[in-house]
Amino acid sequence: MTCCGNMFERFLFTPPMKYLNEYRLKKSIELLKGTDMTVTEIGLACGFSGASYYAESFRREMGMSPSDYRRNLDERTRIQAVLKL
């Protein structure tokens, strides 16, 4: 690892590429929640090289696909709306 990489990991306690992927995934979650962009569009907008790599990375970290995550958000939103009535 480079000197910069070592310093990065020393101060942030994570390797630079892991940090970058986590940041990209967090940004993608914001887009899944707040936009109607497709999963492919979100993956590309967040810097993933393709939809399959994005979905694979998302599944590895979140335990579900981006589409399932969005679907679960929609279900929770509907349930919360009914409970507020």
C-alpha atoms as a PDB file:
ATOM      1  CA  MET A   1       0.000   0.000   0.000  1.00  0.00           C
ATOM      2  CA  THR A   2       1.186   3.510  -0.641  1.00  0.00           C
ATOM      3  CA  CYS A   3       2.198   5.978   2.004  1.00  0.00           C
ATOM      4  CA  CYS A   4      -1.078   7.862   1.438  1.00  0.00           C
ATOM      5  CA  GLY A   5      -3.027   4.634   1.720  1.00  0.00           C
ATOM      6  CA  ASN A   6      -1.320   3.822   5.009  1.00  0.00           C
ATOM      7  CA  MET A   7      -2.058   7.264   6.399  1.00  0.00           C
ATOM      8  CA  PHE A   8      -5.657   7.088   5.216  1.00  0.00           C
ATOM      9  CA  GLU A   9      -6.169   3.746   6.957  1.00  0.00           C
ATOM     10  CA  ARG A  10      -4.406   4.922  10.118  1.00  0.00           C
ATOM     11  CA  PHE A  11      -6.739   7.903  10.518  1.00  0.00           C
ATOM     12  CA  LEU A  12     -10.015   6.451   9.229  1.00  0.00           C
ATOM     13  CA  PHE A  13      -9.452   2.851  10.338  1.00  0.00           C
ATOM     14  CA  THR A  14     -10.411   1.458   6.950  1.00  0.00           C
ATOM     15  CA  PRO A  15      -8.618   0.944   3.637  1.00  0.00           C
ATOM     16  CA  PRO A  16      -9.294   3.624   0.996  1.00  0.00           C
ATOM     17  CA  MET A  17     -11.162   1.319  -1.417  1.00  0.00           C
ATOM     18  CA  LYS A  18     -13.411  -0.063   1.320  1.00  0.00           C
ATOM     19  CA  TYR A  19     -14.175   3.483   2.430  1.00  0.00           C
ATOM     20  CA  LEU A  20     -14.979   4.492  -1.150  1.00  0.00           C
ATOM     21  CA  ASN A  21     -17.311   1.526  -1.696  1.00  0.00           C
ATOM     22  CA  GLU A  22     -19.119   2.190   1.583  1.00  0.00           C
ATOM     23  CA  TYR A  23     -19.514   5.853   0.624  1.00  0.00           C
ATOM     24  CA  ARG A  24     -20.896   4.897  -2.788  1.00  0.00           C
ATOM     25  CA  LEU A  25     -23.353   2.473  -1.205  1.00  0.00           C
ATOM     26  CA  LYS A  26     -24.559   5.114   1.277  1.00  0.00           C
ATOM     27  CA  LYS A  27     -25.131   7.556  -1.581  1.00  0.00           C
ATOM     28  CA  SER A  28     -26.963   4.862  -3.538  1.00  0.00           C
ATOM     29  CA  ILE A  29     -29.294   4.262  -0.581  1.00  0.00           C
ATOM     30  CA  GLU A  30     -30.172   7.959  -0.578  1.00  0.00           C
ATOM     31  CA  LEU A  31     -31.040   7.692  -4.274  1.00  0.00           C
ATOM     32  CA  LEU A  32     -33.049   4.496  -3.753  1.00  0.00           C
ATOM     33  CA  LYS A  33     -35.061   6.296  -1.074  1.00  0.00           C
ATOM     34  CA  GLY A  34     -35.454   9.656  -2.735  1.00  0.00           C
ATOM     35  CA  THR A  35     -35.657   9.148  -6.487  1.00  0.00           C
ATOM     36  CA  ASP A  36     -37.350   7.081  -9.151  1.00  0.00           C
ATOM     37  CA  MET A  37     -34.026   6.361 -10.863  1.00  0.00           C
ATOM     38  CA  THR A  38     -33.535   2.767 -11.966  1.00  0.00           C
ATOM     39  CA  VAL A  39     -31.114   0.549 -10.080  1.00  0.00           C
ATOM     40  CA  THR A  40     -28.795   0.661 -13.091  1.00  0.00           C
ATOM     41  CA  GLU A  41     -28.884   4.474 -13.182  1.00  0.00           C
ATOM     42  CA  ILE A  42     -28.166   4.650  -9.466  1.00  0.00           C
ATOM     43  CA  GLY A  43     -25.243   2.244  -9.690  1.00  0.00           C
ATOM     44  CA  LEU A  44     -23.663   4.208 -12.509  1.00  0.00           C
ATOM     45  CA  ALA A  45     -24.359   7.569 -10.850  1.00  0.00           C
ATOM     46  CA  CYS A  46     -22.594   6.367  -7.711  1.00  0.00           C
ATOM     47  CA  GLY A  47     -19.481   5.274  -9.580  1.00  0.00           C
ATOM     48  CA  PHE A  48     -20.005   1.536  -9.937  1.00  0.00           C
ATOM     49  CA  SER A  49     -18.787   0.113 -13.234  1.00  0.00           C
ATOM     50  CA  GLY A  50     -22.068  -1.639 -13.961  1.00  0.00           C
ATOM     51  CA  ALA A  51     -25.401  -2.719 -12.551  1.00  0.00           C
ATOM     52  CA  SER A  52     -24.282  -6.246 -11.724  1.00  0.00           C
ATOM     53  CA  TYR A  53     -21.243  -5.056  -9.738  1.00  0.00           C
ATOM     54  CA  TYR A  54     -23.426  -2.539  -7.920  1.00  0.00           C
ATOM     55  CA  ALA A  55     -26.038  -5.175  -7.078  1.00  0.00           C
ATOM     56  CA  GLU A  56     -23.350  -7.624  -5.940  1.00  0.00           C
ATOM     57  CA  SER A  57     -21.709  -5.009  -3.697  1.00  0.00           C
ATOM     58  CA  PHE A  58     -25.063  -3.906  -2.304  1.00  0.00           C
ATOM     59  CA  ARG A  59     -26.138  -7.475  -1.557  1.00  0.00           C
ATOM     60  CA  ARG A  60     -22.832  -8.251   0.158  1.00  0.00           C
ATOM     61  CA  GLU A  61     -23.191  -5.244   2.494  1.00  0.00           C
ATOM     62  CA  MET A  62     -26.959  -5.069   2.983  1.00  0.00           C
ATOM     63  CA  GLY A  63     -28.026  -8.708   2.667  1.00  0.00           C
ATOM     64  CA  MET A  64     -30.514  -7.963  -0.106  1.00  0.00           C
ATOM     65  CA  SER A  65     -30.604  -6.553  -3.609  1.00  0.00           C
ATOM     66  CA  PRO A  66     -31.125  -2.829  -4.246  1.00  0.00           C
ATOM     67  CA  SER A  67     -34.541  -3.626  -5.737  1.00  0.00           C
ATOM     68  CA  ASP A  68     -35.574  -5.580  -2.637  1.00  0.00           C
ATOM     69  CA  TYR A  69     -34.333  -2.739  -0.434  1.00  0.00           C
ATOM     70  CA  ARG A  70     -36.458  -0.243  -2.355  1.00  0.00           C
ATOM     71  CA  ARG A  71     -39.468  -2.574  -2.303  1.00  0.00           C
ATOM     72  CA  ASN A  72     -39.154  -2.945   1.480  1.00  0.00           C
ATOM     73  CA  LEU A  73     -39.005   0.849   1.810  1.00  0.00           C
ATOM     74  CA  ASP A  74     -42.238   1.153  -0.150  1.00  0.00           C
ATOM     75  CA  GLU A  75     -43.957  -1.443   2.060  1.00  0.00           C
ATOM     76  CA  ARG A  76     -42.816   0.272   5.279  1.00  0.00           C
ATOM     77  CA  THR A  77     -43.980   3.650   3.965  1.00  0.00           C
ATOM     78  CA  ARG A  78     -47.443   2.254   3.178  1.00  0.00           C
ATOM     79  CA  ILE A  79     -47.691   0.595   6.597  1.00  0.00           C
ATOM     80  CA  GLN A  80     -46.657   3.819   8.370  1.00  0.00           C
ATOM     81  CA  ALA A  81     -49.247   5.792   6.375  1.00  0.00           C
ATOM     82  CA  VAL A  82     -52.007   3.358   7.390  1.00  0.00           C
ATOM     83  CA  LEU A  83     -50.935   3.465  11.038  1.00  0.00           C
ATOM     84  CA  LYS A  84     -51.131   7.265  11.047  1.00  0.00           C
ATOM     85  CA  LEU A  85     -54.814   7.220   9.981  1.00  0.00           C
END
